[in-house]
Amino acid sequence: MPQTARPEEEIDVAVDDITQFIPRYHVVLLDDDDHTYDYVIEMLMDIFGHSMETAYQMACEVDSQKRVIVSTTHRERAEHKKQQIESYGADWRMPNCKGSMSATIEPADTQP
């Protein structure tokens, strides 16, 4: 008698197959001169849960490259994280700072 897959195994495979086709998006933090490294590090740790070391490396990259990918996720979460960056508030350490940093989302390259 041939063995058949249990229903839960079939569901697991189907879910794995489906998730491969969900488009992914990068959340890209854009550089400016109105925020300190401390602000960027604090924000990245707070919004994304990055470690201090990862947040510092990203702060260095955004400063030198003018942009850094801070997360890659599905579109809805990427849009939410972009909104969180843009509503994080001004850097109290910089008297001339008028507001939050800017971010964008862009499709992640899904090609190997």
N, C-alpha and C. Protein backbone atom coordinates (compact mmCIF):
# COMPACT_ATOMS: atom_id res chain seq x y z
N MET A 1 0.84 -1.17 0.00
CA MET A 1 0.00 0.00 0.00
C MET A 1 0.89 1.24 0.00
N PRO A 2 0.72 2.16 -0.96
CA PRO A 2 1.60 3.34 -1.03
C PRO A 2 1.34 4.30 0.13
N GLN A 3 2.42 4.93 0.57
CA GLN A 3 2.28 5.91 1.64
C GLN A 3 1.86 7.24 1.05
N THR A 4 1.01 7.93 1.77
CA THR A 4 0.59 9.27 1.35
C THR A 4 1.04 10.26 2.39
N ALA A 5 1.26 11.47 1.95
CA ALA A 5 1.68 12.53 2.88
C ALA A 5 0.52 12.89 3.79
N ARG A 6 0.86 13.18 5.01
CA ARG A 6 -0.16 13.64 5.95
C ARG A 6 -0.59 15.03 5.53
N PRO A 7 -1.82 15.42 5.81
CA PRO A 7 -2.32 16.74 5.38
C PRO A 7 -1.44 17.90 5.86
N GLU A 8 -0.94 17.83 7.11
CA GLU A 8 -0.13 18.94 7.61
C GLU A 8 1.18 19.07 6.84
N GLU A 9 1.72 17.96 6.33
CA GLU A 9 2.93 18.03 5.53
C GLU A 9 2.65 18.72 4.20
N GLU A 10 1.52 18.42 3.61
CA GLU A 10 1.15 19.06 2.35
C GLU A 10 0.98 20.56 2.54
N ILE A 11 0.40 20.97 3.64
CA ILE A 11 0.20 22.40 3.92
C ILE A 11 1.55 23.08 4.10
N ASP A 12 2.47 22.45 4.84
CA ASP A 12 3.78 23.05 5.06
C ASP A 12 4.49 23.28 3.73
N VAL A 13 4.45 22.32 2.85
CA VAL A 13 5.09 22.46 1.55
C VAL A 13 4.42 23.57 0.76
N ALA A 14 3.10 23.60 0.78
CA ALA A 14 2.37 24.63 0.03
C ALA A 14 2.70 26.02 0.55
N VAL A 15 2.76 26.19 1.86
CA VAL A 15 3.09 27.50 2.44
C VAL A 15 4.51 27.90 2.06
N ASP A 16 5.45 26.96 2.14
CA ASP A 16 6.83 27.27 1.75
C ASP A 16 6.90 27.67 0.28
N ASP A 17 6.16 26.98 -0.57
CA ASP A 17 6.14 27.33 -1.99
C ASP A 17 5.57 28.72 -2.22
N ILE A 18 4.52 29.06 -1.51
CA ILE A 18 3.88 30.37 -1.67
C ILE A 18 4.79 31.49 -1.20
N THR A 19 5.45 31.32 -0.06
CA THR A 19 6.28 32.40 0.47
C THR A 19 7.46 32.73 -0.44
N GLN A 20 7.86 31.81 -1.28
CA GLN A 20 8.95 32.09 -2.22
C GLN A 20 8.53 33.15 -3.24
N PHE A 21 7.23 33.33 -3.44
CA PHE A 21 6.74 34.23 -4.46
C PHE A 21 6.27 35.58 -3.92
N ILE A 22 6.33 35.79 -2.62
CA ILE A 22 5.96 37.07 -2.04
C ILE A 22 7.08 38.06 -2.33
N PRO A 23 6.79 39.14 -3.06
CA PRO A 23 7.84 40.11 -3.37
C PRO A 23 8.42 40.73 -2.10
N ARG A 24 9.73 40.93 -2.09
CA ARG A 24 10.40 41.52 -0.94
C ARG A 24 10.87 42.93 -1.30
N TYR A 25 10.93 43.78 -0.29
CA TYR A 25 11.30 45.18 -0.49
C TYR A 25 12.37 45.57 0.53
N HIS A 26 13.27 46.42 0.07
CA HIS A 26 14.28 47.00 0.95
C HIS A 26 13.71 48.28 1.56
N VAL A 27 13.97 48.49 2.84
CA VAL A 27 13.75 49.77 3.48
C VAL A 27 15.10 50.47 3.45
N VAL A 28 15.16 51.63 2.80
CA VAL A 28 16.42 52.33 2.59
C VAL A 28 16.39 53.65 3.36
N LEU A 29 17.32 53.80 4.28
CA LEU A 29 17.48 55.04 5.04
C LEU A 29 18.34 55.98 4.22
N LEU A 30 17.90 57.24 4.12
CA LEU A 30 18.61 58.25 3.32
C LEU A 30 19.37 59.20 4.24
N ASP A 31 20.54 59.60 3.81
CA ASP A 31 21.42 60.46 4.61
C ASP A 31 20.95 61.91 4.61
N ASP A 32 21.27 62.59 5.67
CA ASP A 32 21.14 64.05 5.75
C ASP A 32 22.16 64.54 6.77
N ASP A 33 22.31 65.84 6.90
CA ASP A 33 23.28 66.39 7.84
C ASP A 33 22.62 66.92 9.11
N ASP A 34 21.36 66.55 9.34
CA ASP A 34 20.60 67.10 10.45
C ASP A 34 20.43 66.13 11.62
N HIS A 35 21.10 64.99 11.57
CA HIS A 35 20.94 63.99 12.62
C HIS A 35 22.31 63.44 13.01
N THR A 36 22.48 63.21 14.31
CA THR A 36 23.75 62.68 14.82
C THR A 36 23.81 61.16 14.67
N TYR A 37 25.02 60.64 14.78
CA TYR A 37 25.19 59.19 14.78
C TYR A 37 24.37 58.58 15.92
N ASP A 38 24.39 59.22 17.07
CA ASP A 38 23.63 58.70 18.22
C ASP A 38 22.15 58.57 17.89
N TYR A 39 21.60 59.56 17.20
CA TYR A 39 20.19 59.52 16.80
C TYR A 39 19.94 58.33 15.88
N VAL A 40 20.79 58.18 14.86
CA VAL A 40 20.61 57.11 13.88
C VAL A 40 20.69 55.74 14.57
N ILE A 41 21.68 55.57 15.40
CA ILE A 41 21.87 54.31 16.11
C ILE A 41 20.67 54.02 17.00
N GLU A 42 20.26 55.00 17.77
CA GLU A 42 19.10 54.85 18.66
C GLU A 42 17.84 54.48 17.87
N MET A 43 17.60 55.18 16.76
CA MET A 43 16.42 54.93 15.95
C MET A 43 16.43 53.51 15.38
N LEU A 44 17.58 53.09 14.82
CA LEU A 44 17.66 51.76 14.23
C LEU A 44 17.49 50.65 15.26
N MET A 45 18.01 50.87 16.44
CA MET A 45 17.83 49.89 17.51
C MET A 45 16.36 49.84 17.95
N ASP A 46 15.74 51.00 18.04
CA ASP A 46 14.36 51.08 18.51
C ASP A 46 13.37 50.52 17.48
N ILE A 47 13.48 50.95 16.24
CA ILE A 47 12.50 50.56 15.21
C ILE A 47 12.73 49.15 14.70
N PHE A 48 13.99 48.78 14.47
CA PHE A 48 14.29 47.51 13.82
C PHE A 48 14.83 46.44 14.77
N GLY A 49 15.20 46.84 15.98
CA GLY A 49 15.76 45.88 16.92
C GLY A 49 17.19 45.49 16.58
N HIS A 50 17.88 46.33 15.79
CA HIS A 50 19.27 46.04 15.46
C HIS A 50 20.14 46.17 16.70
N SER A 51 21.21 45.41 16.74
CA SER A 51 22.18 45.54 17.82
C SER A 51 22.88 46.90 17.67
N MET A 52 23.56 47.33 18.73
CA MET A 52 24.29 48.59 18.67
C MET A 52 25.37 48.53 17.59
N GLU A 53 26.04 47.40 17.50
CA GLU A 53 27.11 47.26 16.50
C GLU A 53 26.55 47.35 15.07
N THR A 54 25.46 46.65 14.80
CA THR A 54 24.84 46.70 13.48
C THR A 54 24.34 48.10 13.16
N ALA A 55 23.70 48.73 14.14
CA ALA A 55 23.18 50.08 13.95
C ALA A 55 24.32 51.06 13.68
N TYR A 56 25.44 50.91 14.39
CA TYR A 56 26.60 51.78 14.16
C TYR A 56 27.15 51.59 12.75
N GLN A 57 27.27 50.33 12.32
CA GLN A 57 27.77 50.06 10.96
C GLN A 57 26.85 50.68 9.92
N MET A 58 25.54 50.59 10.14
CA MET A 58 24.58 51.19 9.21
C MET A 58 24.68 52.71 9.23
N ALA A 59 24.90 53.30 10.40
CA ALA A 59 25.07 54.75 10.50
C ALA A 59 26.31 55.19 9.72
N CYS A 60 27.38 54.43 9.81
CA CYS A 60 28.60 54.75 9.05
C CYS A 60 28.33 54.64 7.55
N GLU A 61 27.60 53.61 7.15
CA GLU A 61 27.33 53.42 5.73
C GLU A 61 26.43 54.52 5.18
N VAL A 62 25.38 54.90 5.92
CA VAL A 62 24.50 55.95 5.42
C VAL A 62 25.26 57.27 5.32
N ASP A 63 26.21 57.49 6.22
CA ASP A 63 27.00 58.72 6.19
C ASP A 63 27.94 58.73 4.99
N SER A 64 28.57 57.61 4.69
CA SER A 64 29.54 57.58 3.60
C SER A 64 28.91 57.32 2.23
N GLN A 65 27.87 56.51 2.18
CA GLN A 65 27.26 56.12 0.90
C GLN A 65 25.96 56.89 0.60
N LYS A 66 25.50 57.66 1.56
CA LYS A 66 24.28 58.49 1.44
C LYS A 66 22.98 57.68 1.48
N ARG A 67 23.09 56.37 1.69
CA ARG A 67 21.92 55.50 1.83
C ARG A 67 22.38 54.16 2.38
N VAL A 68 21.47 53.48 3.05
CA VAL A 68 21.78 52.15 3.56
C VAL A 68 20.48 51.35 3.66
N ILE A 69 20.55 50.08 3.28
CA ILE A 69 19.41 49.19 3.44
C ILE A 69 19.37 48.78 4.91
N VAL A 70 18.27 49.09 5.58
CA VAL A 70 18.16 48.78 7.00
C VAL A 70 17.27 47.56 7.27
N SER A 71 16.52 47.12 6.25
CA SER A 71 15.67 45.95 6.40
C SER A 71 15.20 45.48 5.03
N THR A 72 14.93 44.20 4.92
CA THR A 72 14.33 43.64 3.72
C THR A 72 13.17 42.76 4.18
N THR A 73 11.98 43.06 3.66
CA THR A 73 10.77 42.40 4.15
C THR A 73 9.68 42.49 3.10
N HIS A 74 8.49 42.08 3.45
CA HIS A 74 7.37 42.20 2.51
C HIS A 74 6.89 43.65 2.47
N ARG A 75 6.15 44.02 1.43
CA ARG A 75 5.81 45.41 1.16
C ARG A 75 5.08 46.10 2.31
N GLU A 76 4.09 45.46 2.88
CA GLU A 76 3.30 46.10 3.94
C GLU A 76 4.19 46.46 5.13
N ARG A 77 5.05 45.54 5.54
CA ARG A 77 5.94 45.82 6.68
C ARG A 77 6.97 46.89 6.29
N ALA A 78 7.47 46.83 5.06
CA ALA A 78 8.44 47.83 4.60
C ALA A 78 7.82 49.22 4.64
N GLU A 79 6.59 49.35 4.19
CA GLU A 79 5.91 50.65 4.23
C GLU A 79 5.71 51.12 5.66
N HIS A 80 5.38 50.19 6.55
CA HIS A 80 5.19 50.54 7.97
C HIS A 80 6.51 51.01 8.58
N LYS A 81 7.60 50.32 8.30
CA LYS A 81 8.90 50.70 8.85
C LYS A 81 9.37 52.04 8.28
N LYS A 82 9.12 52.29 7.01
CA LYS A 82 9.43 53.59 6.41
C LYS A 82 8.69 54.69 7.15
N GLN A 83 7.41 54.48 7.42
CA GLN A 83 6.59 55.46 8.14
C GLN A 83 7.12 55.68 9.55
N GLN A 84 7.59 54.62 10.20
CA GLN A 84 8.14 54.76 11.54
C GLN A 84 9.41 55.62 11.52
N ILE A 85 10.26 55.42 10.52
CA ILE A 85 11.46 56.25 10.39
C ILE A 85 11.06 57.70 10.22
N GLU A 86 10.12 57.95 9.33
CA GLU A 86 9.75 59.32 8.98
C GLU A 86 8.90 60.01 10.05
N SER A 87 8.49 59.28 11.06
CA SER A 87 7.74 59.90 12.15
C SER A 87 8.47 59.76 13.49
N TYR A 88 9.74 59.40 13.44
CA TYR A 88 10.51 59.18 14.67
C TYR A 88 10.76 60.47 15.44
N GLY A 89 10.77 61.58 14.74
CA GLY A 89 10.94 62.87 15.41
C GLY A 89 12.32 63.47 15.21
N ALA A 90 12.42 64.68 15.65
CA ALA A 90 13.67 65.45 15.49
C ALA A 90 14.75 64.93 16.43
N ASP A 91 15.99 65.21 16.07
CA ASP A 91 17.14 64.87 16.91
C ASP A 91 17.34 66.00 17.90
N TRP A 92 17.05 65.75 19.15
CA TRP A 92 17.15 66.79 20.19
C TRP A 92 18.59 67.24 20.40
N ARG A 93 19.55 66.47 19.91
CA ARG A 93 20.97 66.83 20.06
C ARG A 93 21.41 67.91 19.08
N MET A 94 20.60 68.12 18.04
CA MET A 94 20.93 69.08 16.98
C MET A 94 19.91 70.22 17.02
N PRO A 95 20.32 71.41 17.45
CA PRO A 95 19.38 72.52 17.59
C PRO A 95 18.65 72.90 16.29
N ASN A 96 19.29 72.69 15.14
CA ASN A 96 18.68 73.06 13.86
C ASN A 96 17.86 71.94 13.23
N CYS A 97 17.79 70.79 13.89
CA CYS A 97 17.06 69.65 13.33
C CYS A 97 15.56 69.95 13.34
N LYS A 98 14.93 69.79 12.19
CA LYS A 98 13.51 70.13 12.05
C LYS A 98 12.58 68.92 12.09
N GLY A 99 13.12 67.71 11.96
CA GLY A 99 12.24 66.55 11.95
C GLY A 99 13.00 65.25 11.77
N SER A 100 12.27 64.25 11.38
CA SER A 100 12.80 62.89 11.23
C SER A 100 13.67 62.76 9.99
N MET A 101 14.32 61.61 9.90
CA MET A 101 15.09 61.28 8.70
C MET A 101 14.12 60.81 7.62
N SER A 102 14.63 60.65 6.43
CA SER A 102 13.83 60.19 5.29
C SER A 102 14.22 58.76 4.94
N ALA A 103 13.27 58.06 4.35
CA ALA A 103 13.51 56.69 3.91
C ALA A 103 12.68 56.45 2.66
N THR A 104 13.02 55.38 1.99
CA THR A 104 12.25 54.95 0.81
C THR A 104 12.19 53.43 0.85
N ILE A 105 11.30 52.87 0.04
CA ILE A 105 11.31 51.43 -0.13
C ILE A 105 11.52 51.16 -1.63
N GLU A 106 12.16 50.04 -1.91
CA GLU A 106 12.41 49.66 -3.30
C GLU A 106 12.37 48.14 -3.39
N PRO A 107 11.95 47.63 -4.53
CA PRO A 107 11.92 46.17 -4.69
C PRO A 107 13.31 45.57 -4.50
N ALA A 108 13.36 44.47 -3.77
CA ALA A 108 14.63 43.75 -3.59
C ALA A 108 14.86 42.91 -4.83
N ASP A 109 16.10 42.81 -5.23
CA ASP A 109 16.44 41.98 -6.39
C ASP A 109 16.27 40.53 -5.99
N THR A 110 15.36 39.84 -6.59
CA THR A 110 15.09 38.45 -6.24
C THR A 110 15.87 37.47 -7.10
N GLN A 111 16.67 37.97 -8.02
CA GLN A 111 17.46 37.10 -8.89
C GLN A 111 18.69 36.62 -8.12
N PRO A 112 19.04 35.34 -8.27
CA PRO A 112 20.23 34.82 -7.57
C PRO A 112 21.51 35.39 -8.15
